[in-house]
Amino acid sequence: MKILALDSTAHTSSVAILDDERLVALYTVNTDNTHSETLLPMIKSALLASDISIDEIDAFAASNGPGSFTGVRIGAATLKGLAFARDVKCVEVSTIEALSRNLDGVDGIVCPIMNARRGQVYTGAFKGKKRLINDTCMLLCDLIPVLEEYNEKIYFVGDGYELIENANIKNKCETPELMRYQNAYSVGIVAYEKIKNEEYTNDIDFRVNYLRKPQAEREREERLEKEGKL
């Protein structure tokens, strides 16, 4: 089964092609260009270099959040456009779960952490493939004591890595920079497992998961609450 996987939920853009679990191609950039500028050319290059046509793809997968609201939407829209009018499987993959798979095989807890601004992070925690903390948005200062209760080695991944890099966290272990960023191969691995469990949808029903409301909507509600209109 050939899978085309995408991740555009943070600063990094990543595209991967898998044949079942085998990595065929991986194209990742971490620049100031927007995902709308980079994602489609990357897909085209990955397919061309792999000598695979878009019609040979059996399933499309994308990180469906959490993450940058714009990035999540671009990834979902790209998947929907590629899958439109094709009878192919579409797989929704949690950004948090995919990030955790960057460190498959490590002895300890993997904690993806994404900068959600205002002192908050999108996060979760895994021991191997077992979830310890469901995807959530919380204050970083509240997350640290929760993790330390496990009394195990803790590895962090994600664009929020710099937030904890110099923090005094018990049992924190360093993650190599190459393994910290969003990786479409990890998205594809999760997608392949979901497909085997028949956990997939189609381009029409593919949904995103922001975990919280957009900033503009939150600020509007805060303003209305202060004005006593909520």
Protein backbone atom coordinates (compact mmCIF):
# COMPACT_ATOMS: atom_id res chain seq x y z
CA MET A 1 0.00 0.00 0.00
CA LYS A 2 1.42 3.36 -1.06
CA ILE A 3 0.74 6.21 1.37
CA LEU A 4 1.35 9.91 0.80
CA ALA A 5 1.69 11.64 4.17
CA LEU A 6 1.81 15.37 4.98
CA ASP A 7 2.52 17.59 7.95
CA SER A 8 2.19 21.37 7.90
CA THR A 9 0.96 21.95 11.45
CA ALA A 10 3.99 23.96 12.61
CA HIS A 11 6.94 25.81 11.06
CA THR A 12 8.23 22.68 9.34
CA SER A 13 6.74 21.36 6.10
CA SER A 14 7.14 17.63 5.55
CA VAL A 15 6.05 15.17 2.86
CA ALA A 16 6.66 11.42 2.84
CA ILE A 17 5.83 8.49 0.61
CA LEU A 18 5.60 5.06 2.19
CA ASP A 19 5.10 1.58 0.79
CA ASP A 20 3.38 0.00 3.79
CA GLU A 21 5.89 0.84 6.55
CA ARG A 22 8.88 1.24 4.24
CA LEU A 23 10.05 4.79 3.65
CA VAL A 24 10.26 5.58 -0.06
CA ALA A 25 10.80 9.34 0.06
CA LEU A 26 10.98 12.07 2.67
CA TYR A 27 11.12 15.78 1.89
CA THR A 28 11.28 18.25 4.79
CA VAL A 29 11.97 21.99 4.84
CA ASN A 30 12.24 24.35 7.77
CA THR A 31 12.28 27.81 6.21
CA ASP A 32 10.33 31.06 6.39
CA ASN A 33 8.34 30.17 3.27
CA THR A 34 4.66 29.52 3.88
CA HIS A 35 3.20 26.05 3.57
CA SER A 36 1.04 27.23 0.69
CA GLU A 37 4.26 27.97 -1.21
CA THR A 38 6.17 24.80 -0.34
CA LEU A 39 3.79 21.89 0.15
CA LEU A 40 2.60 21.18 -3.40
CA PRO A 41 6.07 21.57 -5.01
CA MET A 42 7.44 19.21 -2.35
CA ILE A 43 4.75 16.63 -3.13
CA LYS A 44 5.48 16.90 -6.83
CA SER A 45 9.23 16.49 -6.26
CA ALA A 46 8.77 13.50 -3.93
CA LEU A 47 6.53 11.71 -6.44
CA LEU A 48 8.86 12.47 -9.34
CA ALA A 49 11.97 11.32 -7.49
CA SER A 50 10.18 8.12 -6.44
CA ASP A 51 8.89 7.43 -9.96
CA ILE A 52 5.37 7.18 -8.54
CA SER A 53 2.31 8.87 -10.02
CA ILE A 54 -0.42 10.39 -7.91
CA ASP A 55 -2.82 7.76 -9.28
CA GLU A 56 -0.70 5.02 -7.68
CA ILE A 57 -1.27 6.41 -4.18
CA ASP A 58 -3.65 4.21 -2.19
CA ALA A 59 -4.08 6.46 0.84
CA PHE A 60 -3.51 10.06 1.84
CA ALA A 61 -2.67 11.02 5.42
CA ALA A 62 -2.20 14.38 7.10
CA SER A 63 -1.68 15.68 10.59
CA ASN A 64 -5.08 17.14 11.43
CA GLY A 65 -4.00 19.10 14.50
CA PRO A 66 -3.37 20.53 16.89
CA GLY A 67 -0.99 23.19 15.67
CA SER A 68 -0.96 26.44 13.75
CA PHE A 69 -4.53 27.13 12.65
CA THR A 70 -3.36 28.19 9.19
CA GLY A 71 -0.95 25.26 8.86
CA VAL A 72 -3.56 22.71 9.90
CA ARG A 73 -6.02 24.12 7.36
CA ILE A 74 -3.45 24.10 4.56
CA GLY A 75 -2.58 20.45 5.23
CA ALA A 76 -6.23 19.42 5.31
CA ALA A 77 -7.07 21.40 2.17
CA THR A 78 -4.10 19.89 0.32
CA LEU A 79 -5.16 16.37 1.26
CA LYS A 80 -8.73 17.04 0.21
CA GLY A 81 -7.60 18.46 -3.12
CA LEU A 82 -5.34 15.50 -3.86
CA ALA A 83 -7.95 12.94 -2.85
CA PHE A 84 -10.89 14.64 -4.58
CA ALA A 85 -12.68 12.36 -7.06
CA ARG A 86 -10.34 9.48 -6.20
CA ASP A 87 -11.53 6.36 -4.42
CA VAL A 88 -8.76 6.41 -1.82
CA LYS A 89 -8.50 6.24 1.93
CA CYS A 90 -7.90 9.45 3.89
CA VAL A 91 -6.43 9.24 7.37
CA GLU A 92 -6.62 11.81 10.15
CA VAL A 93 -3.45 11.69 12.27
CA SER A 94 -2.95 13.55 15.54
CA THR A 95 0.08 15.85 15.31
CA ILE A 96 0.91 14.90 18.89
CA GLU A 97 0.80 11.16 18.21
CA ALA A 98 2.87 11.51 15.04
CA LEU A 99 5.52 13.54 16.87
CA SER A 100 5.80 10.84 19.53
CA ARG A 101 6.69 8.30 16.84
CA ASN A 102 9.83 10.28 16.00
CA LEU A 103 11.36 8.51 19.00
CA ASP A 104 10.08 4.97 18.52
CA GLY A 105 12.08 2.58 20.65
CA VAL A 106 13.42 4.96 23.29
CA ASP A 107 13.37 3.80 26.91
CA GLY A 108 11.24 6.39 28.64
CA ILE A 109 8.35 8.78 28.14
CA VAL A 110 8.00 10.81 24.96
CA CYS A 111 6.26 14.15 25.42
CA PRO A 112 5.41 16.12 22.26
CA ILE A 113 5.18 19.81 23.01
CA MET A 114 3.99 22.52 20.63
CA ASN A 115 3.96 26.23 21.38
CA ALA A 116 0.32 27.33 21.69
CA ARG A 117 1.32 30.87 22.86
CA ARG A 118 0.29 32.68 26.05
CA GLY A 119 2.29 30.23 28.15
CA GLN A 120 0.27 27.29 26.84
CA VAL A 121 1.36 24.20 24.94
CA TYR A 122 -0.33 21.51 22.91
CA THR A 123 0.89 18.28 24.37
CA GLY A 124 0.37 14.64 25.31
CA ALA A 125 2.58 11.83 26.54
CA PHE A 126 3.40 8.28 25.44
CA LYS A 127 5.30 5.28 26.74
CA GLY A 128 5.96 3.33 23.58
CA LYS A 129 2.62 3.26 21.78
CA LYS A 130 0.66 3.55 25.03
CA ARG A 131 -0.93 6.92 25.68
CA LEU A 132 -0.33 8.38 29.13
CA ILE A 133 -1.82 11.85 28.50
CA ASN A 134 -4.46 12.54 25.86
CA ASP A 135 -3.95 15.42 23.42
CA THR A 136 -4.60 18.61 25.32
CA CYS A 137 -3.81 22.32 25.56
CA MET A 138 -2.48 23.40 28.96
CA LEU A 139 -0.13 25.74 30.71
CA LEU A 140 3.48 24.62 30.52
CA CYS A 141 3.92 25.25 34.25
CA ASP A 142 1.09 22.78 34.91
CA LEU A 143 2.51 20.10 32.60
CA ILE A 144 5.95 19.77 34.21
CA PRO A 145 4.84 18.46 37.63
CA VAL A 146 2.49 15.99 35.95
CA LEU A 147 5.37 14.51 33.95
CA GLU A 148 7.72 14.38 36.92
CA GLU A 149 5.25 12.18 38.79
CA TYR A 150 6.09 9.33 36.39
CA ASN A 151 9.70 9.27 37.66
CA GLU A 152 11.05 8.08 34.28
CA LYS A 153 13.28 9.52 31.59
CA ILE A 154 11.41 12.17 29.62
CA TYR A 155 12.14 13.05 25.99
CA PHE A 156 10.57 16.11 24.39
CA VAL A 157 9.83 16.67 20.70
CA GLY A 158 8.08 19.39 18.73
CA ASP A 159 8.39 23.10 18.02
CA GLY A 160 7.99 23.85 21.73
CA TYR A 161 11.30 22.17 22.51
CA GLU A 162 13.02 25.50 23.09
CA LEU A 163 10.48 26.29 25.82
CA ILE A 164 11.82 23.47 28.00
CA GLU A 165 15.42 23.29 26.74
CA ASN A 166 16.79 25.24 29.70
CA ALA A 167 14.09 24.29 32.18
CA ASN A 168 14.99 22.36 35.30
CA ILE A 169 12.90 19.25 34.70
CA LYS A 170 13.68 16.07 36.59
CA ASN A 171 14.80 13.19 34.33
CA LYS A 172 14.73 15.35 31.19
CA CYS A 173 16.80 13.82 28.38
CA GLU A 174 18.16 15.60 25.32
CA THR A 175 16.55 14.85 21.97
CA PRO A 176 18.77 15.14 18.86
CA GLU A 177 17.69 18.10 16.75
CA LEU A 178 16.97 15.89 13.75
CA MET A 179 14.28 14.08 15.75
CA ARG A 180 12.56 17.13 17.22
CA TYR A 181 10.59 18.40 14.26
CA GLN A 182 7.39 17.33 12.54
CA ASN A 183 8.12 14.38 10.28
CA ALA A 184 5.72 13.13 7.62
CA TYR A 185 7.19 9.63 7.83
CA SER A 186 5.92 9.44 11.42
CA VAL A 187 2.52 10.60 10.14
CA GLY A 188 2.61 7.81 7.56
CA ILE A 189 3.52 5.16 10.15
CA VAL A 190 0.55 6.12 12.32
CA ALA A 191 -1.68 6.21 9.24
CA TYR A 192 -0.58 2.73 8.15
CA GLU A 193 -1.51 1.34 11.57
CA LYS A 194 -4.87 3.13 11.46
CA ILE A 195 -5.62 1.72 8.02
CA LYS A 196 -4.91 -1.81 9.26
CA ASN A 197 -7.45 -1.13 12.02
CA GLU A 198 -9.89 0.32 9.45
CA GLU A 199 -9.65 3.78 11.03
CA TYR A 200 -9.89 6.00 7.98
CA THR A 201 -12.33 8.26 6.20
CA ASN A 202 -12.66 10.05 2.84
CA ASP A 203 -11.81 13.50 1.53
CA ILE A 204 -15.26 14.90 2.35
CA ASP A 205 -15.34 13.71 5.96
CA PHE A 206 -11.70 14.46 6.83
CA ARG A 207 -11.80 16.75 9.87
CA VAL A 208 -9.30 18.92 11.73
CA ASN A 209 -8.83 19.10 15.50
CA TYR A 210 -7.65 22.49 16.75
CA LEU A 211 -8.12 21.63 20.45
CA ARG A 212 -9.07 25.24 21.12
CA LYS A 213 -10.84 28.11 19.39
CA PRO A 214 -8.96 30.51 17.08
CA GLN A 215 -7.38 33.53 18.77
CA ALA A 216 -9.77 36.02 17.17
CA GLU A 217 -12.76 34.09 18.52
CA ARG A 218 -11.22 33.80 21.98
CA GLU A 219 -10.48 37.53 22.09
CA ARG A 220 -14.03 38.31 20.97
CA GLU A 221 -15.47 36.17 23.76
CA GLU A 222 -13.16 37.80 26.32
CA ARG A 223 -14.32 41.24 25.18
CA LEU A 224 -17.98 40.28 25.32
CA GLU A 225 -17.51 38.74 28.76
CA LYS A 226 -15.95 41.98 30.06
CA GLU A 227 -18.87 43.90 28.58
CA GLY A 228 -21.32 41.53 30.29
CA LYS A 229 -22.75 40.28 27.02
CA LEU A 230 -21.91 36.61 27.60
